Every structure is written in C-alpha cells, then in structure tokens.
PDB file of N, CA and C in Angstrom:
ATOM      1  N   UNK A   1       0.864  -1.169   0.000  1.00  0.00           N
ATOM      2  CA  UNK A   1       0.000   0.000   0.000  1.00  0.00           C
ATOM      3  C   UNK A   1       0.910   1.232   0.000  1.00  0.00           C
ATOM      4  N   UNK A   2       0.666   2.185  -0.907  1.00  0.00           N
ATOM      5  CA  UNK A   2       1.489   3.398  -0.927  1.00  0.00           C
ATOM      6  C   UNK A   2       1.224   4.245   0.305  1.00  0.00           C
ATOM      7  N   UNK A   3       2.208   5.007   0.742  1.00  0.00           N
ATOM      8  CA  UNK A   3       2.006   5.829   1.936  1.00  0.00           C
ATOM      9  C   UNK A   3       0.983   6.924   1.692  1.00  0.00           C
ATOM     10  N   UNK A   4       0.188   7.212   2.720  1.00  0.00           N
ATOM     11  CA  UNK A   4      -0.793   8.290   2.634  1.00  0.00           C
ATOM     12  C   UNK A   4      -0.079   9.622   2.839  1.00  0.00           C
ATOM     13  N   UNK A   5      -0.770  10.718   2.572  1.00  0.00           N
ATOM     14  CA  UNK A   5      -0.157  12.032   2.780  1.00  0.00           C
ATOM     15  C   UNK A   5       0.158  12.247   4.261  1.00  0.00           C
ATOM     16  N   UNK A   6      -0.673  11.680   5.169  1.00  0.00           N
ATOM     17  CA  UNK A   6      -0.395  11.780   6.603  1.00  0.00           C
ATOM     18  C   UNK A   6       0.923  11.104   6.933  1.00  0.00           C
ATOM     19  N   UNK A   7       1.128   9.930   6.342  1.00  0.00           N
ATOM     20  CA  UNK A   7       2.326   9.165   6.602  1.00  0.00           C
ATOM     21  C   UNK A   7       3.567   9.900   6.120  1.00  0.00           C
ATOM     22  N   UNK A   8       3.515  10.443   4.913  1.00  0.00           N
ATOM     23  CA  UNK A   8       4.682  11.114   4.368  1.00  0.00           C
ATOM     24  C   UNK A   8       4.994  12.391   5.134  1.00  0.00           C
ATOM     25  N   UNK A   9       3.995  13.060   5.683  1.00  0.00           N
ATOM     26  CA  UNK A   9       4.253  14.281   6.448  1.00  0.00           C
ATOM     27  C   UNK A   9       4.915  13.975   7.789  1.00  0.00           C
ATOM     28  N   UNK A  10       4.754  12.775   8.275  1.00  0.00           N
ATOM     29  CA  UNK A  10       5.374  12.378   9.540  1.00  0.00           C
ATOM     30  C   UNK A  10       6.786  11.851   9.345  1.00  0.00           C
ATOM     31  N   UNK A  11       7.160  11.579   8.133  1.00  0.00           N
ATOM     32  CA  UNK A  11       8.430  10.918   7.874  1.00  0.00           C
ATOM     33  C   UNK A  11       8.205   9.414   7.870  1.00  0.00           C
ATOM     34  N   UNK A  12       9.223   8.681   8.227  1.00  0.00           N
ATOM     35  CA  UNK A  12       9.155   7.221   8.171  1.00  0.00           C
ATOM     36  C   UNK A  12       8.415   6.672   9.391  1.00  0.00           C
ATOM     37  N   UNK A  13       7.431   5.805   9.127  1.00  0.00           N
ATOM     38  CA  UNK A  13       6.649   5.162  10.185  1.00  0.00           C
ATOM     39  C   UNK A  13       6.643   3.667   9.905  1.00  0.00           C
ATOM     40  N   UNK A  14       6.959   2.878  10.916  1.00  0.00           N
ATOM     41  CA  UNK A  14       6.942   1.422  10.796  1.00  0.00           C
ATOM     42  C   UNK A  14       5.666   0.883  11.430  1.00  0.00           C
ATOM     43  N   UNK A  15       5.076  -0.138  10.807  1.00  0.00           N
ATOM     44  CA  UNK A  15       3.882  -0.785  11.330  1.00  0.00           C
ATOM     45  C   UNK A  15       4.182  -2.251  11.589  1.00  0.00           C
ATOM     46  N   UNK A  16       3.681  -2.746  12.716  1.00  0.00           N
ATOM     47  CA  UNK A  16       3.829  -4.161  13.059  1.00  0.00           C
ATOM     48  C   UNK A  16       2.448  -4.711  13.392  1.00  0.00           C
ATOM     49  N   UNK A  17       2.075  -5.802  12.734  1.00  0.00           N
ATOM     50  CA  UNK A  17       0.786  -6.452  12.961  1.00  0.00           C
ATOM     51  C   UNK A  17       1.023  -7.818  13.595  1.00  0.00           C
ATOM     52  N   UNK A  18       0.291  -8.097  14.687  1.00  0.00           N
ATOM     53  CA  UNK A  18       0.426  -9.370  15.391  1.00  0.00           C
ATOM     54  C   UNK A  18      -0.955  -9.936  15.671  1.00  0.00           C
ATOM     55  N   UNK A  19      -1.165 -11.195  15.288  1.00  0.00           N
ATOM     56  CA  UNK A  19      -2.423 -11.884  15.599  1.00  0.00           C
ATOM     57  C   UNK A  19      -2.318 -12.460  17.007  1.00  0.00           C
ATOM     58  N   UNK A  20      -3.354 -12.192  17.818  1.00  0.00           N
ATOM     59  CA  UNK A  20      -3.406 -12.699  19.194  1.00  0.00           C
ATOM     60  C   UNK A  20      -4.784 -13.318  19.379  1.00  0.00           C
ATOM     61  N   UNK A  21      -4.889 -14.606  19.163  1.00  0.00           N
ATOM     62  CA  UNK A  21      -6.191 -15.271  19.252  1.00  0.00           C
ATOM     63  C   UNK A  21      -7.166 -14.680  18.250  1.00  0.00           C
ATOM     64  N   UNK A  22      -8.294 -14.181  18.741  1.00  0.00           N
ATOM     65  CA  UNK A  22      -9.310 -13.578  17.884  1.00  0.00           C
ATOM     66  C   UNK A  22      -9.120 -12.074  17.745  1.00  0.00           C
ATOM     67  N   UNK A  23      -7.940 -11.583  18.133  1.00  0.00           N
ATOM     68  CA  UNK A  23      -7.639 -10.154  18.072  1.00  0.00           C
ATOM     69  C   UNK A  23      -6.409  -9.905  17.213  1.00  0.00           C
ATOM     70  N   UNK A  24      -6.250  -8.660  16.825  1.00  0.00           N
ATOM     71  CA  UNK A  24      -5.054  -8.239  16.097  1.00  0.00           C
ATOM     72  C   UNK A  24      -4.497  -7.019  16.810  1.00  0.00           C
ATOM     73  N   UNK A  25      -3.198  -7.006  17.003  1.00  0.00           N
ATOM     74  CA  UNK A  25      -2.539  -5.844  17.604  1.00  0.00           C
ATOM     75  C   UNK A  25      -1.703  -5.189  16.518  1.00  0.00           C
ATOM     76  N   UNK A  26      -1.819  -3.884  16.410  1.00  0.00           N
ATOM     77  CA  UNK A  26      -1.003  -3.134  15.455  1.00  0.00           C
ATOM     78  C   UNK A  26      -0.231  -2.075  16.225  1.00  0.00           C
ATOM     79  N   UNK A  27       1.044  -1.950  15.882  1.00  0.00           N
ATOM     80  CA  UNK A  27       1.935  -0.979  16.513  1.00  0.00           C
ATOM     81  C   UNK A  27       2.464  -0.067  15.413  1.00  0.00           C
ATOM     82  N   UNK A  28       2.507   1.237  15.684  1.00  0.00           N
ATOM     83  CA  UNK A  28       3.119   2.206  14.782  1.00  0.00           C
ATOM     84  C   UNK A  28       4.302   2.824  15.515  1.00  0.00           C
ATOM     85  N   UNK A  29       5.445   2.862  14.839  1.00  0.00           N
ATOM     86  CA  UNK A  29       6.663   3.407  15.429  1.00  0.00           C
ATOM     87  C   UNK A  29       7.177   4.531  14.535  1.00  0.00           C
ATOM     88  N   UNK A  30       7.373   5.703  15.124  1.00  0.00           N
ATOM     89  CA  UNK A  30       7.909   6.848  14.390  1.00  0.00           C
ATOM     90  C   UNK A  30       9.424   6.697  14.373  1.00  0.00           C
ATOM     91  N   UNK A  31       9.983   6.530  13.180  1.00  0.00           N
ATOM     92  CA  UNK A  31      11.404   6.221  13.050  1.00  0.00           C
ATOM     93  C   UNK A  31      12.306   7.304  13.629  1.00  0.00           C
ATOM     94  N   UNK A  32      11.973   8.556  13.424  1.00  0.00           N
ATOM     95  CA  UNK A  32      12.845   9.655  13.852  1.00  0.00           C
ATOM     96  C   UNK A  32      12.926   9.804  15.366  1.00  0.00           C
ATOM     97  N   UNK A  33      11.829   9.514  16.068  1.00  0.00           N
ATOM     98  CA  UNK A  33      11.795   9.732  17.519  1.00  0.00           C
ATOM     99  C   UNK A  33      11.752   8.450  18.335  1.00  0.00           C
ATOM    100  N   UNK A  34      11.354   7.354  17.712  1.00  0.00           N
ATOM    101  CA  UNK A  34      11.211   6.102  18.447  1.00  0.00           C
ATOM    102  C   UNK A  34       9.907   5.998  19.220  1.00  0.00           C
ATOM    103  N   UNK A  35       9.056   7.031  19.133  1.00  0.00           N
ATOM    104  CA  UNK A  35       7.756   6.971  19.816  1.00  0.00           C
ATOM    105  C   UNK A  35       6.899   5.897  19.169  1.00  0.00           C
ATOM    106  N   UNK A  36       6.146   5.193  19.998  1.00  0.00           N
ATOM    107  CA  UNK A  36       5.262   4.161  19.448  1.00  0.00           C
ATOM    108  C   UNK A  36       3.916   4.170  20.137  1.00  0.00           C
ATOM    109  N   UNK A  37       2.921   3.734  19.389  1.00  0.00           N
ATOM    110  CA  UNK A  37       1.560   3.584  19.892  1.00  0.00           C
ATOM    111  C   UNK A  37       1.038   2.250  19.389  1.00  0.00           C
ATOM    112  N   UNK A  38      -0.006   1.743  20.056  1.00  0.00           N
ATOM    113  CA  UNK A  38      -0.581   0.476  19.617  1.00  0.00           C
ATOM    114  C   UNK A  38      -2.083   0.483  19.825  1.00  0.00           C
ATOM    115  N   UNK A  39      -2.724  -0.455  19.182  1.00  0.00           N
ATOM    116  CA  UNK A  39      -4.164  -0.653  19.334  1.00  0.00           C
ATOM    117  C   UNK A  39      -4.458  -2.132  19.132  1.00  0.00           C
ATOM    118  N   UNK A  40      -5.518  -2.602  19.767  1.00  0.00           N
ATOM    119  CA  UNK A  40      -5.970  -3.974  19.612  1.00  0.00           C
ATOM    120  C   UNK A  40      -7.394  -3.933  19.100  1.00  0.00           C
ATOM    121  N   UNK A  41      -7.690  -4.781  18.116  1.00  0.00           N
ATOM    122  CA  UNK A  41      -9.013  -4.803  17.489  1.00  0.00           C
ATOM    123  C   UNK A  41      -9.356  -6.242  17.131  1.00  0.00           C
ATOM    124  N   UNK A  42     -10.600  -6.495  16.724  1.00  0.00           N
ATOM    125  CA  UNK A  42     -10.946  -7.840  16.275  1.00  0.00           C
ATOM    126  C   UNK A  42     -10.070  -8.259  15.094  1.00  0.00           C
ATOM    127  N   UNK A  43      -9.745  -9.538  15.029  1.00  0.00           N
ATOM    128  CA  UNK A  43      -8.872 -10.044  13.975  1.00  0.00           C
ATOM    129  C   UNK A  43      -9.436  -9.789  12.580  1.00  0.00           C
ATOM    130  N   UNK A  44     -10.741  -9.654  12.447  1.00  0.00           N
ATOM    131  CA  UNK A  44     -11.357  -9.430  11.149  1.00  0.00           C
ATOM    132  C   UNK A  44     -11.337  -7.986  10.691  1.00  0.00           C
ATOM    133  N   UNK A  45     -10.812  -7.089  11.508  1.00  0.00           N
ATOM    134  CA  UNK A  45     -10.768  -5.667  11.140  1.00  0.00           C
ATOM    135  C   UNK A  45      -9.856  -5.486   9.929  1.00  0.00           C
ATOM    136  N   UNK A  46     -10.205  -4.544   9.084  1.00  0.00           N
ATOM    137  CA  UNK A  46      -9.400  -4.283   7.889  1.00  0.00           C
ATOM    138  C   UNK A  46      -8.041  -3.717   8.284  1.00  0.00           C
ATOM    139  N   UNK A  47      -7.019  -4.245   7.670  1.00  0.00           N
ATOM    140  CA  UNK A  47      -5.650  -3.812   7.954  1.00  0.00           C
ATOM    141  C   UNK A  47      -5.482  -2.301   7.733  1.00  0.00           C
ATOM    142  N   UNK A  48      -6.058  -1.773   6.663  1.00  0.00           N
ATOM    143  CA  UNK A  48      -5.948  -0.341   6.360  1.00  0.00           C
ATOM    144  C   UNK A  48      -6.606   0.496   7.454  1.00  0.00           C
ATOM    145  N   UNK A  49      -7.730   0.020   7.998  1.00  0.00           N
ATOM    146  CA  UNK A  49      -8.411   0.745   9.079  1.00  0.00           C
ATOM    147  C   UNK A  49      -7.547   0.773  10.340  1.00  0.00           C
ATOM    148  N   UNK A  50      -6.927  -0.356  10.658  1.00  0.00           N
ATOM    149  CA  UNK A  50      -6.053  -0.420  11.833  1.00  0.00           C
ATOM    150  C   UNK A  50      -4.849   0.500  11.660  1.00  0.00           C
ATOM    151  N   UNK A  51      -4.303   0.517  10.452  1.00  0.00           N
ATOM    152  CA  UNK A  51      -3.159   1.363  10.176  1.00  0.00           C
ATOM    153  C   UNK A  51      -3.540   2.841  10.338  1.00  0.00           C
ATOM    154  N   UNK A  52      -4.712   3.216   9.831  1.00  0.00           N
ATOM    155  CA  UNK A  52      -5.189   4.594   9.965  1.00  0.00           C
ATOM    156  C   UNK A  52      -5.390   4.960  11.437  1.00  0.00           C
ATOM    157  N   UNK A  53      -5.946   4.026  12.208  1.00  0.00           N
ATOM    158  CA  UNK A  53      -6.191   4.257  13.627  1.00  0.00           C
ATOM    159  C   UNK A  53      -4.902   4.556  14.375  1.00  0.00           C
ATOM    160  N   UNK A  54      -3.894   3.699  14.224  1.00  0.00           N
ATOM    161  CA  UNK A  54      -2.652   3.927  14.968  1.00  0.00           C
ATOM    162  C   UNK A  54      -1.881   5.127  14.427  1.00  0.00           C
ATOM    163  N   UNK A  55      -2.049   5.433  13.152  1.00  0.00           N
ATOM    164  CA  UNK A  55      -1.402   6.615  12.597  1.00  0.00           C
ATOM    165  C   UNK A  55      -1.967   7.882  13.241  1.00  0.00           C
ATOM    166  N   UNK A  56      -3.280   7.923  13.440  1.00  0.00           N
ATOM    167  CA  UNK A  56      -3.899   9.066  14.119  1.00  0.00           C
ATOM    168  C   UNK A  56      -3.433   9.157  15.574  1.00  0.00           C
ATOM    169  N   UNK A  57      -3.335   8.003  16.238  1.00  0.00           N
ATOM    170  CA  UNK A  57      -2.844   7.992  17.620  1.00  0.00           C
ATOM    171  C   UNK A  57      -1.396   8.478  17.670  1.00  0.00           C
ATOM    172  N   UNK A  58      -0.600   8.064  16.700  1.00  0.00           N
ATOM    173  CA  UNK A  58       0.802   8.466  16.658  1.00  0.00           C
ATOM    174  C   UNK A  58       0.926   9.970  16.443  1.00  0.00           C
ATOM    175  N   UNK A  59       0.108  10.525  15.550  1.00  0.00           N
ATOM    176  CA  UNK A  59       0.130  11.969  15.324  1.00  0.00           C
ATOM    177  C   UNK A  59      -0.199  12.720  16.614  1.00  0.00           C
ATOM    178  N   UNK A  60      -1.207  12.267  17.348  1.00  0.00           N
ATOM    179  CA  UNK A  60      -1.579  12.909  18.617  1.00  0.00           C
ATOM    180  C   UNK A  60      -0.444  12.793  19.631  1.00  0.00           C
ATOM    181  N   UNK A  61       0.188  11.656  19.686  1.00  0.00           N
ATOM    182  CA  UNK A  61       1.301  11.432  20.626  1.00  0.00           C
ATOM    183  C   UNK A  61       2.477  12.338  20.289  1.00  0.00           C
ATOM    184  N   UNK A  62       2.766  12.498  18.993  1.00  0.00           N
ATOM    185  CA  UNK A  62       3.862  13.364  18.572  1.00  0.00           C
ATOM    186  C   UNK A  62       3.583  14.823  18.929  1.00  0.00           C
ATOM    187  N   UNK A  63       2.344  15.251  18.762  1.00  0.00           N
ATOM    188  CA  UNK A  63       1.969  16.634  19.117  1.00  0.00           C
ATOM    189  C   UNK A  63       2.150  16.842  20.617  1.00  0.00           C
ATOM    190  N   UNK A  64       1.689  15.890  21.418  1.00  0.00           N
ATOM    191  CA  UNK A  64       1.836  15.985  22.871  1.00  0.00           C
ATOM    192  C   UNK A  64       3.315  15.990  23.256  1.00  0.00           C
ATOM    193  N   UNK A  65       4.100  15.189  22.581  1.00  0.00           N
ATOM    194  CA  UNK A  65       5.540  15.104  22.861  1.00  0.00           C
ATOM    195  C   UNK A  65       6.236  16.435  22.530  1.00  0.00           C
ATOM    196  N   UNK A  66       5.827  17.077  21.440  1.00  0.00           N
ATOM    197  CA  UNK A  66       6.423  18.346  21.031  1.00  0.00           C
ATOM    198  C   UNK A  66       6.048  19.480  21.979  1.00  0.00           C
ATOM    199  N   UNK A  67       4.872  19.377  22.605  1.00  0.00           N
ATOM    200  CA  UNK A  67       4.402  20.440  23.501  1.00  0.00           C
ATOM    201  C   UNK A  67       4.936  20.318  24.917  1.00  0.00           C
ATOM    202  N   UNK A  68       5.830  19.406  25.159  1.00  0.00           N
ATOM    203  CA  UNK A  68       6.410  19.234  26.500  1.00  0.00           C
ATOM    204  C   UNK A  68       7.310  20.361  26.847  1.00  0.00           C
TER     205      UNK A  68
END
C-alpha cells in the first residue's frame, strides 16, 4: 500500500501487525523519535483501518511530545 499524505508528512513510520487469538494488535513506530503507539481490534478488522487508527494515535502522541 502506498504511503498516505499523513504518513509522508510524519516521515518514516513502521507498522507491526500481530495476531493474538481472535484479536489483532497493530503498533506504529515513528522512526525519527522512536515513539510508538498500539491498538488492539478484532482479527477481522481491515488492515488499512487499523493502520489509519494507529497513525492518528501516533500523530496525537507526537503533538503531545512536542508540547512538553
């Protein structure tokens, strides 16, 4: 999947998907800062939706980190 405009504006972001029983855990890691966020959802959730979810969480975390 090509990177979204949100992704490119953040720089490099790594995604990790892990199946845990009937759930899926997705982690987003901001390469430049090492900040990471995660979310757990039903295993049947669309991968793109999970990626969008953690990307939004990562953006919020980065804003909070910058305002320290």
